[in-house]
Amino acid sequence: LGNLELIKKKTSNSEIQDEPVFSIVEQMPEFPGGEDAMRQFIGQTIQYPKVAVQGNINGRVYVSFVIASNGKVRNAKIARGVHPSLDEEALRVINSLPAWKPGKQRGTPVNVSYTVPIKFMLQ
């Protein structure tokens, strides 16, 4: 694992400010219950915005965020958006995620960047 990518990000959040944010670690963060549980949580939490329903707006919003060394979601932002209403809802859902099992590097919890696609599809 000699090719670890280390990204240092300045943030307004004092909990992770000046701490490195890793994109690849020995042990990636884990959502409680795994990826299926995360998909289920997102599916149950998401509320399709009325303006998007009226405008028949569909698409996939990519949200990037940091799983802090304490397991909390921090610094969520839109990596690739579709429409302001869908982007805002995707951010709301990601910011409501419960604490994760943090990623680890050499046995120590560290900040890890993470990106999740959220698919908005009208039936």
N, C-alpha and C. Protein backbone atom coordinates (compact mmCIF):
# COMPACT_ATOMS: atom_id res chain seq x y z
N LEU A 1 0.83 -1.20 0.00
CA LEU A 1 0.00 0.00 0.00
C LEU A 1 0.87 1.25 0.00
N GLY A 2 1.84 1.29 -0.87
CA GLY A 2 2.74 2.43 -0.92
C GLY A 2 2.18 3.63 -1.65
N ASN A 3 1.10 3.44 -2.39
CA ASN A 3 0.54 4.52 -3.20
C ASN A 3 -0.72 5.10 -2.58
N LEU A 4 -0.68 5.42 -1.30
CA LEU A 4 -1.84 6.04 -0.66
C LEU A 4 -1.97 7.48 -1.12
N GLU A 5 -3.17 7.85 -1.45
CA GLU A 5 -3.44 9.22 -1.89
C GLU A 5 -3.90 10.01 -0.67
N LEU A 6 -3.16 11.03 -0.33
CA LEU A 6 -3.48 11.85 0.84
C LEU A 6 -3.94 13.21 0.36
N ILE A 7 -5.14 13.58 0.78
CA ILE A 7 -5.70 14.86 0.37
C ILE A 7 -5.93 15.67 1.64
N LYS A 8 -5.34 16.82 1.72
CA LYS A 8 -5.55 17.69 2.88
C LYS A 8 -6.54 18.77 2.47
N LYS A 9 -7.61 18.86 3.22
CA LYS A 9 -8.66 19.82 2.89
C LYS A 9 -8.85 20.78 4.05
N LYS A 10 -8.97 22.04 3.73
CA LYS A 10 -9.33 23.04 4.74
C LYS A 10 -10.85 23.11 4.75
N THR A 11 -11.43 23.06 5.94
CA THR A 11 -12.87 23.13 6.04
C THR A 11 -13.24 24.12 7.14
N SER A 12 -14.51 24.44 7.17
CA SER A 12 -14.98 25.32 8.23
C SER A 12 -15.31 24.51 9.47
N ASN A 13 -15.28 23.20 9.36
CA ASN A 13 -15.62 22.34 10.47
C ASN A 13 -14.38 22.09 11.32
N SER A 14 -14.37 22.58 12.54
CA SER A 14 -13.18 22.50 13.37
C SER A 14 -12.81 21.07 13.75
N GLU A 15 -13.78 20.14 13.67
CA GLU A 15 -13.47 18.77 14.05
C GLU A 15 -12.48 18.11 13.09
N ILE A 16 -12.50 18.48 11.82
CA ILE A 16 -11.59 17.82 10.88
C ILE A 16 -10.64 18.81 10.22
N GLN A 17 -10.71 20.06 10.60
CA GLN A 17 -9.82 21.06 10.02
C GLN A 17 -8.38 20.70 10.32
N ASP A 18 -7.53 20.82 9.32
CA ASP A 18 -6.11 20.53 9.42
C ASP A 18 -5.79 19.06 9.68
N GLU A 19 -6.78 18.19 9.62
CA GLU A 19 -6.52 16.76 9.68
C GLU A 19 -6.58 16.23 8.26
N PRO A 20 -5.73 15.27 7.91
CA PRO A 20 -5.75 14.75 6.54
C PRO A 20 -7.07 14.03 6.23
N VAL A 21 -7.49 14.12 4.98
CA VAL A 21 -8.66 13.39 4.51
C VAL A 21 -8.16 12.39 3.48
N PHE A 22 -8.34 11.12 3.75
CA PHE A 22 -7.87 10.06 2.87
C PHE A 22 -8.95 9.68 1.87
N SER A 23 -8.53 9.26 0.68
CA SER A 23 -9.49 8.71 -0.27
C SER A 23 -9.36 7.19 -0.32
N ILE A 24 -8.20 6.67 0.04
CA ILE A 24 -7.97 5.23 0.10
C ILE A 24 -7.33 4.92 1.45
N VAL A 25 -7.93 3.97 2.16
CA VAL A 25 -7.38 3.58 3.46
C VAL A 25 -7.38 2.06 3.57
N GLU A 26 -6.66 1.56 4.54
CA GLU A 26 -6.59 0.11 4.74
C GLU A 26 -7.96 -0.48 5.06
N GLN A 27 -8.75 0.24 5.86
CA GLN A 27 -10.10 -0.22 6.21
C GLN A 27 -11.07 0.92 5.93
N MET A 28 -11.92 0.75 4.93
CA MET A 28 -12.87 1.79 4.54
C MET A 28 -13.97 1.93 5.60
N PRO A 29 -14.59 3.12 5.67
CA PRO A 29 -15.71 3.32 6.60
C PRO A 29 -16.85 2.36 6.25
N GLU A 30 -17.63 2.00 7.25
CA GLU A 30 -18.76 1.10 7.04
C GLU A 30 -20.03 1.71 7.62
N PHE A 31 -21.08 1.73 6.79
CA PHE A 31 -22.40 2.15 7.25
C PHE A 31 -22.95 1.04 8.15
N PRO A 32 -23.64 1.38 9.26
CA PRO A 32 -24.20 0.34 10.13
C PRO A 32 -25.13 -0.59 9.34
N GLY A 33 -24.80 -1.85 9.28
CA GLY A 33 -25.62 -2.81 8.52
C GLY A 33 -25.16 -3.00 7.09
N GLY A 34 -24.17 -2.24 6.64
CA GLY A 34 -23.62 -2.42 5.30
C GLY A 34 -24.27 -1.54 4.24
N GLU A 35 -23.83 -1.77 2.99
CA GLU A 35 -24.31 -0.95 1.87
C GLU A 35 -25.80 -1.11 1.61
N ASP A 36 -26.32 -2.35 1.76
CA ASP A 36 -27.75 -2.55 1.54
C ASP A 36 -28.57 -1.74 2.55
N ALA A 37 -28.10 -1.69 3.79
CA ALA A 37 -28.79 -0.91 4.82
C ALA A 37 -28.74 0.58 4.48
N MET A 38 -27.60 1.03 3.91
CA MET A 38 -27.51 2.44 3.52
C MET A 38 -28.49 2.75 2.39
N ARG A 39 -28.56 1.86 1.39
CA ARG A 39 -29.51 2.08 0.30
C ARG A 39 -30.94 2.12 0.82
N GLN A 40 -31.24 1.22 1.76
CA GLN A 40 -32.57 1.18 2.35
C GLN A 40 -32.86 2.47 3.12
N PHE A 41 -31.90 2.93 3.90
CA PHE A 41 -32.07 4.18 4.66
C PHE A 41 -32.35 5.34 3.71
N ILE A 42 -31.55 5.44 2.64
CA ILE A 42 -31.73 6.53 1.67
C ILE A 42 -33.11 6.43 1.03
N GLY A 43 -33.50 5.21 0.62
CA GLY A 43 -34.80 5.01 -0.02
C GLY A 43 -35.97 5.39 0.87
N GLN A 44 -35.84 5.11 2.17
CA GLN A 44 -36.92 5.42 3.11
C GLN A 44 -36.94 6.89 3.53
N THR A 45 -35.79 7.54 3.44
CA THR A 45 -35.67 8.92 3.93
C THR A 45 -35.97 9.95 2.85
N ILE A 46 -35.72 9.57 1.60
CA ILE A 46 -35.83 10.53 0.50
C ILE A 46 -37.28 10.96 0.29
N GLN A 47 -37.47 12.24 0.04
CA GLN A 47 -38.79 12.77 -0.30
C GLN A 47 -38.64 13.50 -1.63
N TYR A 48 -39.30 12.97 -2.65
CA TYR A 48 -39.18 13.57 -3.98
C TYR A 48 -39.74 14.99 -3.95
N PRO A 49 -38.94 15.99 -4.27
CA PRO A 49 -39.42 17.38 -4.23
C PRO A 49 -40.60 17.61 -5.18
N LYS A 50 -41.61 18.35 -4.71
CA LYS A 50 -42.81 18.60 -5.52
C LYS A 50 -42.47 19.25 -6.85
N VAL A 51 -41.54 20.22 -6.83
CA VAL A 51 -41.19 20.91 -8.07
C VAL A 51 -40.57 19.95 -9.08
N ALA A 52 -39.85 18.94 -8.59
CA ALA A 52 -39.25 17.95 -9.47
C ALA A 52 -40.31 17.00 -10.02
N VAL A 53 -41.31 16.68 -9.20
CA VAL A 53 -42.42 15.84 -9.67
C VAL A 53 -43.19 16.58 -10.76
N GLN A 54 -43.52 17.85 -10.49
CA GLN A 54 -44.28 18.65 -11.45
C GLN A 54 -43.51 18.84 -12.75
N GLY A 55 -42.20 18.96 -12.66
CA GLY A 55 -41.37 19.15 -13.85
C GLY A 55 -40.89 17.86 -14.47
N ASN A 56 -41.33 16.71 -13.90
CA ASN A 56 -40.92 15.39 -14.39
C ASN A 56 -39.39 15.28 -14.47
N ILE A 57 -38.72 15.70 -13.40
CA ILE A 57 -37.25 15.73 -13.37
C ILE A 57 -36.72 14.46 -12.71
N ASN A 58 -35.89 13.73 -13.45
CA ASN A 58 -35.25 12.51 -12.97
C ASN A 58 -33.75 12.68 -13.06
N GLY A 59 -33.03 11.78 -12.44
CA GLY A 59 -31.58 11.79 -12.60
C GLY A 59 -30.85 11.24 -11.39
N ARG A 60 -29.54 11.22 -11.52
CA ARG A 60 -28.67 10.69 -10.46
C ARG A 60 -27.81 11.83 -9.93
N VAL A 61 -27.93 12.09 -8.62
CA VAL A 61 -27.15 13.12 -7.94
C VAL A 61 -26.00 12.43 -7.22
N TYR A 62 -24.78 12.92 -7.44
CA TYR A 62 -23.61 12.37 -6.74
C TYR A 62 -23.24 13.32 -5.61
N VAL A 63 -23.23 12.78 -4.38
CA VAL A 63 -22.90 13.58 -3.21
C VAL A 63 -21.58 13.07 -2.64
N SER A 64 -20.62 13.98 -2.49
CA SER A 64 -19.36 13.61 -1.85
C SER A 64 -19.35 14.20 -0.45
N PHE A 65 -18.73 13.48 0.46
CA PHE A 65 -18.69 13.90 1.86
C PHE A 65 -17.52 13.22 2.53
N VAL A 66 -17.30 13.58 3.78
CA VAL A 66 -16.22 12.99 4.57
C VAL A 66 -16.85 12.22 5.72
N ILE A 67 -16.39 10.97 5.90
CA ILE A 67 -16.72 10.24 7.11
C ILE A 67 -15.58 10.57 8.07
N ALA A 68 -15.89 11.37 9.08
CA ALA A 68 -14.86 11.84 10.02
C ALA A 68 -14.35 10.68 10.87
N SER A 69 -13.25 10.91 11.54
CA SER A 69 -12.64 9.87 12.37
C SER A 69 -13.56 9.44 13.52
N ASN A 70 -14.59 10.24 13.82
CA ASN A 70 -15.58 9.86 14.84
C ASN A 70 -16.80 9.18 14.23
N GLY A 71 -16.79 8.97 12.90
CA GLY A 71 -17.87 8.27 12.21
C GLY A 71 -18.98 9.16 11.69
N LYS A 72 -18.93 10.45 12.00
CA LYS A 72 -20.00 11.35 11.56
C LYS A 72 -19.77 11.85 10.14
N VAL A 73 -20.90 12.11 9.45
CA VAL A 73 -20.84 12.67 8.09
C VAL A 73 -20.55 14.16 8.20
N ARG A 74 -19.57 14.62 7.42
CA ARG A 74 -19.17 16.03 7.43
C ARG A 74 -18.97 16.52 5.99
N ASN A 75 -19.13 17.80 5.81
CA ASN A 75 -18.78 18.50 4.56
C ASN A 75 -19.43 17.89 3.31
N ALA A 76 -20.71 17.55 3.41
CA ALA A 76 -21.42 17.01 2.24
C ALA A 76 -21.57 18.10 1.19
N LYS A 77 -21.30 17.74 -0.06
CA LYS A 77 -21.48 18.68 -1.17
C LYS A 77 -21.81 17.91 -2.43
N ILE A 78 -22.41 18.61 -3.37
CA ILE A 78 -22.80 17.99 -4.63
C ILE A 78 -21.58 17.85 -5.52
N ALA A 79 -21.26 16.61 -5.89
CA ALA A 79 -20.16 16.37 -6.83
C ALA A 79 -20.67 16.51 -8.26
N ARG A 80 -21.91 16.02 -8.49
CA ARG A 80 -22.55 16.19 -9.79
C ARG A 80 -24.06 16.24 -9.55
N GLY A 81 -24.64 17.34 -9.91
CA GLY A 81 -26.05 17.54 -9.65
C GLY A 81 -26.93 17.36 -10.87
N VAL A 82 -28.24 17.43 -10.62
CA VAL A 82 -29.24 17.28 -11.68
C VAL A 82 -30.09 18.54 -11.76
N HIS A 83 -30.64 18.94 -10.63
CA HIS A 83 -31.55 20.08 -10.53
C HIS A 83 -31.46 20.56 -9.08
N PRO A 84 -31.53 21.87 -8.84
CA PRO A 84 -31.38 22.37 -7.46
C PRO A 84 -32.27 21.67 -6.43
N SER A 85 -33.51 21.35 -6.79
CA SER A 85 -34.40 20.71 -5.81
C SER A 85 -33.94 19.29 -5.48
N LEU A 86 -33.49 18.54 -6.48
CA LEU A 86 -33.00 17.18 -6.23
C LEU A 86 -31.67 17.23 -5.49
N ASP A 87 -30.82 18.17 -5.86
CA ASP A 87 -29.52 18.31 -5.20
C ASP A 87 -29.71 18.61 -3.71
N GLU A 88 -30.63 19.52 -3.41
CA GLU A 88 -30.89 19.91 -2.02
C GLU A 88 -31.42 18.73 -1.20
N GLU A 89 -32.31 17.95 -1.80
CA GLU A 89 -32.87 16.78 -1.11
C GLU A 89 -31.79 15.73 -0.88
N ALA A 90 -30.92 15.52 -1.86
CA ALA A 90 -29.83 14.55 -1.71
C ALA A 90 -28.91 14.96 -0.56
N LEU A 91 -28.59 16.25 -0.47
CA LEU A 91 -27.75 16.74 0.63
C LEU A 91 -28.45 16.54 1.98
N ARG A 92 -29.74 16.80 2.03
CA ARG A 92 -30.50 16.63 3.28
C ARG A 92 -30.42 15.18 3.75
N VAL A 93 -30.61 14.25 2.82
CA VAL A 93 -30.59 12.83 3.16
C VAL A 93 -29.20 12.39 3.63
N ILE A 94 -28.17 12.80 2.91
CA ILE A 94 -26.80 12.42 3.30
C ILE A 94 -26.45 13.00 4.67
N ASN A 95 -26.84 14.24 4.91
CA ASN A 95 -26.56 14.86 6.21
C ASN A 95 -27.34 14.23 7.36
N SER A 96 -28.39 13.45 7.04
CA SER A 96 -29.18 12.78 8.09
C SER A 96 -28.70 11.35 8.34
N LEU A 97 -27.67 10.90 7.61
CA LEU A 97 -27.16 9.54 7.83
C LEU A 97 -26.66 9.39 9.27
N PRO A 98 -26.92 8.23 9.88
CA PRO A 98 -26.37 8.00 11.22
C PRO A 98 -24.86 7.82 11.16
N ALA A 99 -24.24 7.80 12.32
CA ALA A 99 -22.78 7.64 12.39
C ALA A 99 -22.35 6.30 11.79
N TRP A 100 -21.22 6.35 11.11
CA TRP A 100 -20.63 5.16 10.48
C TRP A 100 -19.55 4.60 11.40
N LYS A 101 -19.10 3.37 11.07
CA LYS A 101 -17.87 2.85 11.67
C LYS A 101 -16.77 3.51 10.86
N PRO A 102 -15.90 4.32 11.49
CA PRO A 102 -14.93 5.10 10.71
C PRO A 102 -13.90 4.24 10.00
N GLY A 103 -13.34 4.81 8.93
CA GLY A 103 -12.24 4.15 8.24
C GLY A 103 -10.99 4.19 9.10
N LYS A 104 -10.08 3.25 8.83
CA LYS A 104 -8.86 3.20 9.63
C LYS A 104 -7.63 3.10 8.74
N GLN A 105 -6.58 3.73 9.20
CA GLN A 105 -5.27 3.66 8.57
C GLN A 105 -4.29 3.28 9.68
N ARG A 106 -3.60 2.17 9.49
CA ARG A 106 -2.66 1.65 10.51
C ARG A 106 -3.34 1.51 11.88
N GLY A 107 -4.60 1.09 11.85
CA GLY A 107 -5.34 0.84 13.08
C GLY A 107 -5.95 2.06 13.75
N THR A 108 -5.71 3.24 13.19
CA THR A 108 -6.20 4.48 13.77
C THR A 108 -7.36 5.04 12.94
N PRO A 109 -8.49 5.43 13.58
CA PRO A 109 -9.58 6.05 12.83
C PRO A 109 -9.10 7.34 12.15
N VAL A 110 -9.48 7.50 10.88
CA VAL A 110 -9.08 8.68 10.10
C VAL A 110 -10.28 9.21 9.32
N ASN A 111 -10.15 10.42 8.79
CA ASN A 111 -11.17 11.02 7.93
C ASN A 111 -11.03 10.42 6.54
N VAL A 112 -12.17 10.03 5.94
CA VAL A 112 -12.15 9.40 4.62
C VAL A 112 -13.20 10.05 3.73
N SER A 113 -12.80 10.42 2.51
CA SER A 113 -13.76 10.97 1.55
C SER A 113 -14.57 9.83 0.95
N TYR A 114 -15.82 10.12 0.65
CA TYR A 114 -16.76 9.11 0.19
C TYR A 114 -17.73 9.78 -0.77
N THR A 115 -18.15 9.08 -1.81
CA THR A 115 -19.14 9.62 -2.74
C THR A 115 -20.26 8.59 -2.93
N VAL A 116 -21.49 9.07 -2.88
CA VAL A 116 -22.65 8.20 -3.03
C VAL A 116 -23.54 8.75 -4.14
N PRO A 117 -23.94 7.89 -5.10
CA PRO A 117 -24.94 8.32 -6.09
C PRO A 117 -26.35 8.10 -5.52
N ILE A 118 -27.21 9.08 -5.71
CA ILE A 118 -28.61 8.95 -5.30
C ILE A 118 -29.46 9.11 -6.56
N LYS A 119 -30.20 8.05 -6.86
CA LYS A 119 -31.01 8.02 -8.08
C LYS A 119 -32.43 8.51 -7.77
N PHE A 120 -32.85 9.52 -8.51
CA PHE A 120 -34.22 10.02 -8.42
C PHE A 120 -34.95 9.57 -9.69
N MET A 121 -35.98 8.74 -9.52
CA MET A 121 -36.69 8.21 -10.67
C MET A 121 -38.18 8.22 -10.38
N LEU A 122 -38.93 8.92 -11.20
CA LEU A 122 -40.39 8.93 -11.07
C LEU A 122 -40.95 7.66 -11.69
N GLN A 123 -41.92 7.08 -11.01
CA GLN A 123 -42.52 5.83 -11.51
C GLN A 123 -43.67 6.14 -12.44
